[in-house]
């Protein structure tokens, strides 16, 4: 991949929209280096495809999640008796 292709990734669009700084690492050695470099100049580094990055874009509270999953919980409880 190159920087142009990476910048068009749907994983990056949401992060850019939210104002996060994007560091494009497109060289093969970058993937290896990032495994050991978790922070740089006090800023945490994450892959845009990680669950942590997805959580940055999820603005739901715990109460919102509970309300969203309540119907599923009720169906499971009814099925289990």
C-alpha atoms as a PDB file:
ATOM      1  CA  UNK A   1       0.000   0.000   0.000  1.00  0.00           C
ATOM      2  CA  UNK A   2       0.970   3.592  -0.358  1.00  0.00           C
ATOM      3  CA  UNK A   3      -0.027   6.734   1.531  1.00  0.00           C
ATOM      4  CA  UNK A   4      -2.677   7.688  -1.013  1.00  0.00           C
ATOM      5  CA  UNK A   5      -4.429   4.331  -0.686  1.00  0.00           C
ATOM      6  CA  UNK A   6      -4.144   4.389   3.096  1.00  0.00           C
ATOM      7  CA  UNK A   7      -5.669   7.866   3.313  1.00  0.00           C
ATOM      8  CA  UNK A   8      -8.781   6.577   1.509  1.00  0.00           C
ATOM      9  CA  UNK A   9      -9.343   3.791   4.023  1.00  0.00           C
ATOM     10  CA  UNK A  10     -12.806   3.812   5.635  1.00  0.00           C
ATOM     11  CA  UNK A  11     -11.098   3.085   8.959  1.00  0.00           C
ATOM     12  CA  UNK A  12      -9.328   6.449   8.793  1.00  0.00           C
ATOM     13  CA  UNK A  13     -12.246   8.610   7.646  1.00  0.00           C
ATOM     14  CA  UNK A  14     -14.029   8.587  11.003  1.00  0.00           C
ATOM     15  CA  UNK A  15     -10.877   9.294  12.949  1.00  0.00           C
ATOM     16  CA  UNK A  16     -10.012  12.247  10.715  1.00  0.00           C
ATOM     17  CA  UNK A  17     -13.558  13.572  11.060  1.00  0.00           C
ATOM     18  CA  UNK A  18     -13.210  13.450  14.856  1.00  0.00           C
ATOM     19  CA  UNK A  19      -9.940  15.419  14.680  1.00  0.00           C
ATOM     20  CA  UNK A  20      -7.456  12.659  15.468  1.00  0.00           C
ATOM     21  CA  UNK A  21      -3.969  12.992  14.059  1.00  0.00           C
ATOM     22  CA  UNK A  22      -3.156  10.258  11.558  1.00  0.00           C
ATOM     23  CA  UNK A  23       0.343   8.861  11.165  1.00  0.00           C
ATOM     24  CA  UNK A  24       0.600   6.874   7.946  1.00  0.00           C
ATOM     25  CA  UNK A  25       2.893   3.886   8.291  1.00  0.00           C
ATOM     26  CA  UNK A  26       2.969   2.145   4.942  1.00  0.00           C
ATOM     27  CA  UNK A  27       6.461   0.630   4.870  1.00  0.00           C
ATOM     28  CA  UNK A  28       6.726  -3.077   5.748  1.00  0.00           C
ATOM     29  CA  UNK A  29       9.095  -2.342   8.644  1.00  0.00           C
ATOM     30  CA  UNK A  30       6.537   0.026  10.205  1.00  0.00           C
ATOM     31  CA  UNK A  31       4.255  -2.830  11.221  1.00  0.00           C
ATOM     32  CA  UNK A  32       7.135  -4.451  13.077  1.00  0.00           C
ATOM     33  CA  UNK A  33       8.229  -1.199  14.726  1.00  0.00           C
ATOM     34  CA  UNK A  34       4.752  -0.310  15.974  1.00  0.00           C
ATOM     35  CA  UNK A  35       4.514  -3.592  17.879  1.00  0.00           C
ATOM     36  CA  UNK A  36       7.168  -2.234  20.251  1.00  0.00           C
ATOM     37  CA  UNK A  37       6.407   1.491  20.061  1.00  0.00           C
ATOM     38  CA  UNK A  38       3.135   2.054  21.910  1.00  0.00           C
ATOM     39  CA  UNK A  39       3.659   5.741  22.671  1.00  0.00           C
ATOM     40  CA  UNK A  40       5.526   8.637  21.062  1.00  0.00           C
ATOM     41  CA  UNK A  41       6.077  12.047  22.691  1.00  0.00           C
ATOM     42  CA  UNK A  42       3.333  11.321  25.192  1.00  0.00           C
ATOM     43  CA  UNK A  43       0.796  10.308  22.551  1.00  0.00           C
ATOM     44  CA  UNK A  44      -0.592   6.785  22.353  1.00  0.00           C
ATOM     45  CA  UNK A  45      -0.255   5.039  19.012  1.00  0.00           C
ATOM     46  CA  UNK A  46      -3.026   2.739  17.823  1.00  0.00           C
ATOM     47  CA  UNK A  47      -3.878   0.961  14.654  1.00  0.00           C
ATOM     48  CA  UNK A  48      -6.912   2.488  12.974  1.00  0.00           C
ATOM     49  CA  UNK A  49      -8.267  -1.053  12.569  1.00  0.00           C
ATOM     50  CA  UNK A  50      -8.077  -1.930  16.279  1.00  0.00           C
ATOM     51  CA  UNK A  51     -10.960  -2.185  18.726  1.00  0.00           C
ATOM     52  CA  UNK A  52      -9.466   0.706  20.704  1.00  0.00           C
ATOM     53  CA  UNK A  53      -9.791   2.966  17.657  1.00  0.00           C
ATOM     54  CA  UNK A  54     -13.375   1.809  17.137  1.00  0.00           C
ATOM     55  CA  UNK A  55     -14.155   2.668  20.765  1.00  0.00           C
ATOM     56  CA  UNK A  56     -12.853   6.208  20.197  1.00  0.00           C
ATOM     57  CA  UNK A  57     -15.642   6.732  17.688  1.00  0.00           C
ATOM     58  CA  UNK A  58     -18.357   5.078  19.786  1.00  0.00           C
ATOM     59  CA  UNK A  59     -19.925   7.816  21.895  1.00  0.00           C
ATOM     60  CA  UNK A  60     -22.549   5.603  23.542  1.00  0.00           C
ATOM     61  CA  UNK A  61     -22.629   5.444  27.336  1.00  0.00           C
ATOM     62  CA  UNK A  62     -22.987   2.250  29.355  1.00  0.00           C
ATOM     63  CA  UNK A  63     -26.656   3.087  29.901  1.00  0.00           C
ATOM     64  CA  UNK A  64     -27.160   3.475  26.142  1.00  0.00           C
ATOM     65  CA  UNK A  65     -25.586   0.059  25.552  1.00  0.00           C
ATOM     66  CA  UNK A  66     -27.719  -1.550  28.250  1.00  0.00           C
ATOM     67  CA  UNK A  67     -30.874  -0.069  26.733  1.00  0.00           C
ATOM     68  CA  UNK A  68     -29.825  -1.213  23.273  1.00  0.00           C
ATOM     69  CA  UNK A  69     -29.192  -4.765  24.438  1.00  0.00           C
ATOM     70  CA  UNK A  70     -32.210  -5.050  26.772  1.00  0.00           C
ATOM     71  CA  UNK A  71     -34.466  -6.761  24.176  1.00  0.00           C
ATOM     72  CA  UNK A  72     -31.780  -9.353  23.456  1.00  0.00           C
ATOM     73  CA  UNK A  73     -31.272  -9.983  27.167  1.00  0.00           C
ATOM     74  CA  UNK A  74     -35.019 -10.476  27.662  1.00  0.00           C
ATOM     75  CA  UNK A  75     -35.205 -12.980  24.786  1.00  0.00           C
ATOM     76  CA  UNK A  76     -32.263 -14.954  26.159  1.00  0.00           C
ATOM     77  CA  UNK A  77     -33.773 -14.989  29.644  1.00  0.00           C
ATOM     78  CA  UNK A  78     -37.112 -16.174  28.254  1.00  0.00           C
ATOM     79  CA  UNK A  79     -35.415 -18.912  26.229  1.00  0.00           C
ATOM     80  CA  UNK A  80     -33.455 -20.122  29.264  1.00  0.00           C
ATOM     81  CA  UNK A  81     -36.514 -20.029  31.492  1.00  0.00           C
END
